[in-house]
């Protein structure tokens, strides 16, 4: 079974059909979406009044996307730089990270083979 998020258009279509009087099963077969997904979309629409994807829970990222890109570019430009040097570089930009956080961010960004 493939898990994928419905598009805003699909969720809006589900709600429109529901408002016109169709049931879960009819909507499900017409749009080729599981009836339980249809039910969930309608429940969320009734509760929150919108079909927009709600914000998910979880810890916020330590750094924003722009700073992450700067770090990755610096690590790719200087592959022999130590983690402490990269930490000092980030501190000069105003971002304070632990030394062990830096390789995790660089690794998740797809930069491999660093010496440090």
N, C-alpha and C. Protein backbone atom coordinates (compact mmCIF):
# COMPACT_ATOMS: atom_id res chain seq x y z
N UNK A 1 0.84 -1.19 0.00
CA UNK A 1 0.00 0.00 0.00
C UNK A 1 0.88 1.24 0.00
N UNK A 2 0.58 2.16 -0.90
CA UNK A 2 1.37 3.37 -1.04
C UNK A 2 0.74 4.49 -0.21
N UNK A 3 1.54 5.12 0.64
CA UNK A 3 1.06 6.26 1.42
C UNK A 3 1.45 7.53 0.69
N UNK A 4 0.47 8.34 0.37
CA UNK A 4 0.76 9.61 -0.26
C UNK A 4 -0.27 10.62 0.21
N UNK A 5 0.12 11.86 0.20
CA UNK A 5 -0.76 12.92 0.65
C UNK A 5 -1.63 13.36 -0.51
N UNK A 6 -2.90 13.60 -0.22
CA UNK A 6 -3.81 14.08 -1.25
C UNK A 6 -3.50 15.54 -1.57
N UNK A 7 -3.73 15.92 -2.81
CA UNK A 7 -3.55 17.32 -3.19
C UNK A 7 -4.71 18.14 -2.66
N UNK A 8 -4.51 19.44 -2.60
CA UNK A 8 -5.57 20.34 -2.13
C UNK A 8 -6.80 20.20 -3.03
N UNK A 9 -6.57 20.06 -4.32
CA UNK A 9 -7.67 19.92 -5.28
C UNK A 9 -8.50 18.66 -4.97
N UNK A 10 -7.83 17.54 -4.69
CA UNK A 10 -8.53 16.30 -4.38
C UNK A 10 -9.36 16.45 -3.10
N UNK A 11 -8.79 17.08 -2.08
CA UNK A 11 -9.54 17.27 -0.82
C UNK A 11 -10.74 18.18 -1.05
N UNK A 12 -10.57 19.23 -1.86
CA UNK A 12 -11.68 20.12 -2.17
C UNK A 12 -12.78 19.38 -2.93
N UNK A 13 -12.38 18.51 -3.84
CA UNK A 13 -13.35 17.71 -4.60
C UNK A 13 -14.16 16.81 -3.67
N UNK A 14 -13.50 16.19 -2.71
CA UNK A 14 -14.17 15.32 -1.74
C UNK A 14 -15.22 16.11 -0.97
N UNK A 15 -14.84 17.29 -0.50
CA UNK A 15 -15.76 18.12 0.28
C UNK A 15 -16.93 18.59 -0.59
N UNK A 16 -16.66 18.98 -1.83
CA UNK A 16 -17.73 19.42 -2.73
C UNK A 16 -18.75 18.30 -2.94
N UNK A 17 -18.24 17.10 -3.20
CA UNK A 17 -19.14 15.96 -3.42
C UNK A 17 -19.92 15.63 -2.15
N UNK A 18 -19.28 15.75 -1.01
CA UNK A 18 -19.97 15.49 0.26
C UNK A 18 -21.08 16.51 0.49
N UNK A 19 -20.80 17.77 0.18
CA UNK A 19 -21.80 18.82 0.36
C UNK A 19 -22.97 18.65 -0.60
N UNK A 20 -22.72 18.04 -1.76
CA UNK A 20 -23.81 17.82 -2.71
C UNK A 20 -24.66 16.61 -2.35
N UNK A 21 -24.29 15.90 -1.27
CA UNK A 21 -25.13 14.82 -0.78
C UNK A 21 -24.62 13.41 -1.03
N UNK A 22 -23.45 13.28 -1.65
CA UNK A 22 -22.91 11.94 -1.89
C UNK A 22 -22.36 11.35 -0.59
N UNK A 23 -22.39 10.03 -0.51
CA UNK A 23 -21.86 9.34 0.66
C UNK A 23 -20.39 9.00 0.48
N UNK A 24 -19.78 8.48 1.56
CA UNK A 24 -18.36 8.14 1.55
C UNK A 24 -18.04 7.14 0.44
N UNK A 25 -18.86 6.09 0.32
CA UNK A 25 -18.59 5.02 -0.64
C UNK A 25 -18.64 5.53 -2.09
N UNK A 26 -19.65 6.36 -2.41
CA UNK A 26 -19.77 6.89 -3.77
C UNK A 26 -18.59 7.81 -4.11
N UNK A 27 -18.22 8.64 -3.15
CA UNK A 27 -17.07 9.53 -3.37
C UNK A 27 -15.81 8.69 -3.55
N UNK A 28 -15.67 7.68 -2.72
CA UNK A 28 -14.50 6.81 -2.75
C UNK A 28 -14.34 6.12 -4.10
N UNK A 29 -15.41 5.53 -4.61
CA UNK A 29 -15.32 4.83 -5.89
C UNK A 29 -15.15 5.80 -7.06
N UNK A 30 -15.78 6.96 -6.99
CA UNK A 30 -15.69 7.93 -8.08
C UNK A 30 -14.27 8.51 -8.21
N UNK A 31 -13.62 8.76 -7.08
CA UNK A 31 -12.29 9.38 -7.10
C UNK A 31 -11.16 8.38 -6.93
N UNK A 32 -11.51 7.11 -6.74
CA UNK A 32 -10.53 6.04 -6.55
C UNK A 32 -9.61 6.35 -5.36
N UNK A 33 -10.26 6.70 -4.25
CA UNK A 33 -9.57 6.99 -2.99
C UNK A 33 -10.23 6.11 -1.93
N UNK A 34 -9.46 5.51 -1.02
CA UNK A 34 -10.06 4.68 0.02
C UNK A 34 -11.12 5.44 0.82
N UNK A 35 -12.20 4.74 1.19
CA UNK A 35 -13.31 5.41 1.89
C UNK A 35 -12.86 5.96 3.24
N UNK A 36 -11.89 5.30 3.85
CA UNK A 36 -11.41 5.79 5.15
C UNK A 36 -10.68 7.13 4.99
N UNK A 37 -10.00 7.32 3.88
CA UNK A 37 -9.34 8.59 3.59
C UNK A 37 -10.39 9.68 3.35
N UNK A 38 -11.44 9.32 2.63
CA UNK A 38 -12.54 10.26 2.39
C UNK A 38 -13.15 10.68 3.72
N UNK A 39 -13.37 9.71 4.60
CA UNK A 39 -13.95 9.99 5.92
C UNK A 39 -13.04 10.92 6.72
N UNK A 40 -11.73 10.67 6.67
CA UNK A 40 -10.78 11.49 7.42
C UNK A 40 -10.77 12.92 6.91
N UNK A 41 -10.79 13.09 5.58
CA UNK A 41 -10.79 14.44 5.00
C UNK A 41 -12.04 15.20 5.42
N UNK A 42 -13.18 14.53 5.39
CA UNK A 42 -14.44 15.18 5.76
C UNK A 42 -14.47 15.52 7.25
N UNK A 43 -13.95 14.61 8.08
CA UNK A 43 -13.91 14.89 9.52
C UNK A 43 -13.05 16.12 9.82
N UNK A 44 -11.89 16.20 9.16
CA UNK A 44 -11.01 17.35 9.38
C UNK A 44 -11.65 18.63 8.86
N UNK A 45 -12.36 18.52 7.73
CA UNK A 45 -13.04 19.69 7.18
C UNK A 45 -14.13 20.17 8.14
N UNK A 46 -14.89 19.22 8.73
CA UNK A 46 -15.94 19.60 9.67
C UNK A 46 -15.34 20.25 10.93
N UNK A 47 -14.22 19.72 11.39
CA UNK A 47 -13.62 20.21 12.63
C UNK A 47 -12.94 21.56 12.46
N UNK A 48 -12.14 21.71 11.37
CA UNK A 48 -11.33 22.91 11.19
C UNK A 48 -11.88 23.88 10.14
N UNK A 49 -12.82 23.42 9.31
CA UNK A 49 -13.42 24.29 8.31
C UNK A 49 -12.53 24.57 7.11
N UNK A 50 -11.48 23.79 6.94
CA UNK A 50 -10.57 24.00 5.81
C UNK A 50 -10.03 22.66 5.32
N UNK A 51 -9.56 22.64 4.08
CA UNK A 51 -8.97 21.41 3.54
C UNK A 51 -7.46 21.56 3.37
N UNK A 52 -6.90 22.63 3.90
CA UNK A 52 -5.47 22.85 3.82
C UNK A 52 -4.75 21.84 4.72
N UNK A 53 -3.58 21.38 4.30
CA UNK A 53 -2.80 20.47 5.12
C UNK A 53 -2.40 21.17 6.40
N UNK A 54 -2.72 20.54 7.52
CA UNK A 54 -2.43 21.14 8.82
C UNK A 54 -0.95 20.98 9.16
N UNK A 55 -0.45 21.88 10.01
CA UNK A 55 0.94 21.81 10.43
C UNK A 55 1.15 20.56 11.27
N UNK A 56 2.25 19.87 11.02
CA UNK A 56 2.53 18.63 11.73
C UNK A 56 3.30 18.92 13.02
N UNK A 57 3.23 17.96 13.93
CA UNK A 57 3.95 18.12 15.18
C UNK A 57 5.41 17.75 14.99
N UNK A 58 6.23 18.10 15.94
CA UNK A 58 7.64 17.75 15.89
C UNK A 58 8.51 18.93 16.26
N UNK A 59 9.74 18.61 16.58
CA UNK A 59 10.67 19.65 16.98
C UNK A 59 11.07 20.51 15.78
N UNK A 60 11.08 21.82 15.94
CA UNK A 60 11.50 22.69 14.86
C UNK A 60 12.99 22.48 14.54
N UNK A 61 13.37 22.75 13.33
CA UNK A 61 14.75 22.59 12.91
C UNK A 61 15.64 23.59 13.64
N UNK A 62 16.89 23.17 13.91
CA UNK A 62 17.83 24.04 14.61
C UNK A 62 18.24 25.24 13.75
N UNK A 63 18.31 25.02 12.44
CA UNK A 63 18.72 26.11 11.55
C UNK A 63 17.72 26.23 10.41
N UNK A 64 17.66 27.43 9.85
CA UNK A 64 16.75 27.63 8.73
C UNK A 64 17.40 27.15 7.43
N UNK A 65 16.65 27.12 6.37
CA UNK A 65 17.11 26.57 5.10
C UNK A 65 18.30 27.34 4.52
N UNK A 66 18.28 28.65 4.65
CA UNK A 66 19.35 29.47 4.09
C UNK A 66 20.69 29.19 4.80
N UNK A 67 20.65 29.08 6.12
CA UNK A 67 21.86 28.79 6.88
C UNK A 67 22.36 27.38 6.59
N UNK A 68 21.44 26.44 6.40
CA UNK A 68 21.82 25.06 6.07
C UNK A 68 22.55 25.04 4.73
N UNK A 69 22.04 25.80 3.76
CA UNK A 69 22.69 25.86 2.45
C UNK A 69 24.09 26.47 2.55
N UNK A 70 24.24 27.50 3.39
CA UNK A 70 25.56 28.11 3.59
C UNK A 70 26.53 27.09 4.17
N UNK A 71 26.06 26.32 5.16
CA UNK A 71 26.91 25.32 5.80
C UNK A 71 27.33 24.24 4.80
N UNK A 72 26.39 23.77 4.01
CA UNK A 72 26.69 22.72 3.03
C UNK A 72 27.67 23.24 1.97
N UNK A 73 27.48 24.47 1.51
CA UNK A 73 28.39 25.05 0.52
C UNK A 73 29.80 25.19 1.10
N UNK A 74 29.87 25.62 2.35
CA UNK A 74 31.17 25.78 3.00
C UNK A 74 31.86 24.43 3.19
N UNK A 75 31.09 23.41 3.58
CA UNK A 75 31.66 22.07 3.77
C UNK A 75 32.10 21.47 2.44
N UNK A 76 31.37 21.73 1.37
CA UNK A 76 31.74 21.21 0.05
C UNK A 76 32.96 21.96 -0.50
N UNK A 77 33.03 23.24 -0.20
CA UNK A 77 34.14 24.06 -0.70
C UNK A 77 35.45 23.69 0.01
N UNK A 78 35.34 23.42 1.32
CA UNK A 78 36.52 23.06 2.11
C UNK A 78 36.34 21.69 2.76
N UNK A 79 36.56 20.60 2.03
CA UNK A 79 36.30 19.27 2.57
C UNK A 79 37.24 18.87 3.71
N UNK A 80 38.37 19.56 3.86
CA UNK A 80 39.30 19.20 4.94
C UNK A 80 39.08 20.05 6.19
N UNK A 81 38.09 20.92 6.18
CA UNK A 81 37.81 21.76 7.35
C UNK A 81 37.31 20.89 8.49
N UNK A 82 37.76 21.20 9.69
CA UNK A 82 37.32 20.43 10.85
C UNK A 82 35.92 20.89 11.27
N UNK A 83 35.28 20.08 12.09
CA UNK A 83 33.94 20.43 12.56
C UNK A 83 33.98 21.71 13.40
N UNK A 84 35.06 21.88 14.15
CA UNK A 84 35.19 23.09 14.97
C UNK A 84 35.29 24.33 14.08
N UNK A 85 36.02 24.21 12.97
CA UNK A 85 36.12 25.34 12.05
C UNK A 85 34.76 25.67 11.44
N UNK A 86 34.00 24.63 11.08
CA UNK A 86 32.66 24.86 10.54
C UNK A 86 31.74 25.45 11.60
N UNK A 87 31.93 25.03 12.86
CA UNK A 87 31.13 25.57 13.95
C UNK A 87 31.44 27.06 14.14
N UNK A 88 32.71 27.41 14.05
CA UNK A 88 33.11 28.82 14.17
C UNK A 88 32.55 29.64 13.00
N UNK A 89 32.56 29.03 11.80
CA UNK A 89 31.99 29.72 10.63
C UNK A 89 30.51 30.01 10.87
N UNK A 90 29.78 29.02 11.39
CA UNK A 90 28.36 29.22 11.66
C UNK A 90 28.15 30.27 12.76
N UNK A 91 29.02 30.27 13.77
CA UNK A 91 28.90 31.24 14.86
C UNK A 91 29.08 32.66 14.33
N UNK A 92 29.94 32.81 13.31
CA UNK A 92 30.14 34.14 12.72
C UNK A 92 28.90 34.61 11.97
N UNK A 93 28.06 33.67 11.52
CA UNK A 93 26.82 34.04 10.85
C UNK A 93 25.66 34.22 11.84
N UNK A 94 25.95 33.91 13.13
CA UNK A 94 24.93 34.10 14.16
C UNK A 94 24.16 32.86 14.53
N UNK A 95 24.62 31.70 14.09
CA UNK A 95 23.92 30.44 14.38
C UNK A 95 24.82 29.58 15.27
N UNK A 96 24.30 29.17 16.42
CA UNK A 96 25.08 28.36 17.35
C UNK A 96 24.58 26.92 17.29
N UNK A 97 25.47 26.00 16.88
CA UNK A 97 25.14 24.59 16.80
C UNK A 97 26.20 23.78 17.53
N UNK A 98 25.80 22.62 18.04
CA UNK A 98 26.75 21.70 18.66
C UNK A 98 27.59 21.06 17.55
N UNK A 99 28.79 20.65 17.90
CA UNK A 99 29.71 20.08 16.92
C UNK A 99 29.12 18.83 16.27
N UNK A 100 28.39 18.02 17.01
CA UNK A 100 27.85 16.78 16.45
C UNK A 100 26.63 17.02 15.57
N UNK A 101 26.02 18.18 15.64
CA UNK A 101 24.88 18.49 14.80
C UNK A 101 25.33 18.79 13.37
N UNK A 102 26.49 19.36 13.23
CA UNK A 102 26.99 19.78 11.92
C UNK A 102 27.14 18.62 10.94
N UNK A 103 27.81 17.50 11.33
CA UNK A 103 27.93 16.42 10.34
C UNK A 103 26.59 15.80 9.97
N UNK A 104 25.65 15.80 10.90
CA UNK A 104 24.33 15.25 10.61
C UNK A 104 23.63 16.09 9.54
N UNK A 105 23.71 17.39 9.67
CA UNK A 105 23.09 18.29 8.69
C UNK A 105 23.77 18.16 7.33
N UNK A 106 25.10 18.13 7.34
CA UNK A 106 25.85 18.02 6.08
C UNK A 106 25.56 16.67 5.42
N UNK A 107 25.52 15.61 6.22
CA UNK A 107 25.26 14.27 5.69
C UNK A 107 23.85 14.17 5.10
N UNK A 108 22.87 14.73 5.79
CA UNK A 108 21.49 14.69 5.31
C UNK A 108 21.33 15.52 4.04
N UNK A 109 22.23 16.44 3.80
CA UNK A 109 22.17 17.28 2.60
C UNK A 109 22.88 16.64 1.42
N UNK A 110 23.49 15.49 1.63
CA UNK A 110 24.08 14.75 0.52
C UNK A 110 25.54 15.03 0.25
N UNK A 111 26.26 15.64 1.19
CA UNK A 111 27.68 15.87 1.02
C UNK A 111 28.41 14.73 1.72
N UNK A 112 29.18 13.96 0.96
CA UNK A 112 29.85 12.77 1.49
C UNK A 112 31.36 12.94 1.42
N UNK A 113 32.08 12.07 2.13
CA UNK A 113 33.52 11.97 2.00
C UNK A 113 34.30 13.09 2.64
N UNK A 114 33.73 13.71 3.66
CA UNK A 114 34.48 14.74 4.35
C UNK A 114 35.52 14.10 5.26
N UNK A 115 36.63 14.76 5.45
CA UNK A 115 37.70 14.24 6.30
C UNK A 115 37.32 14.36 7.76
N UNK A 116 36.70 15.47 8.13
CA UNK A 116 36.39 15.75 9.55
C UNK A 116 35.36 14.81 10.13
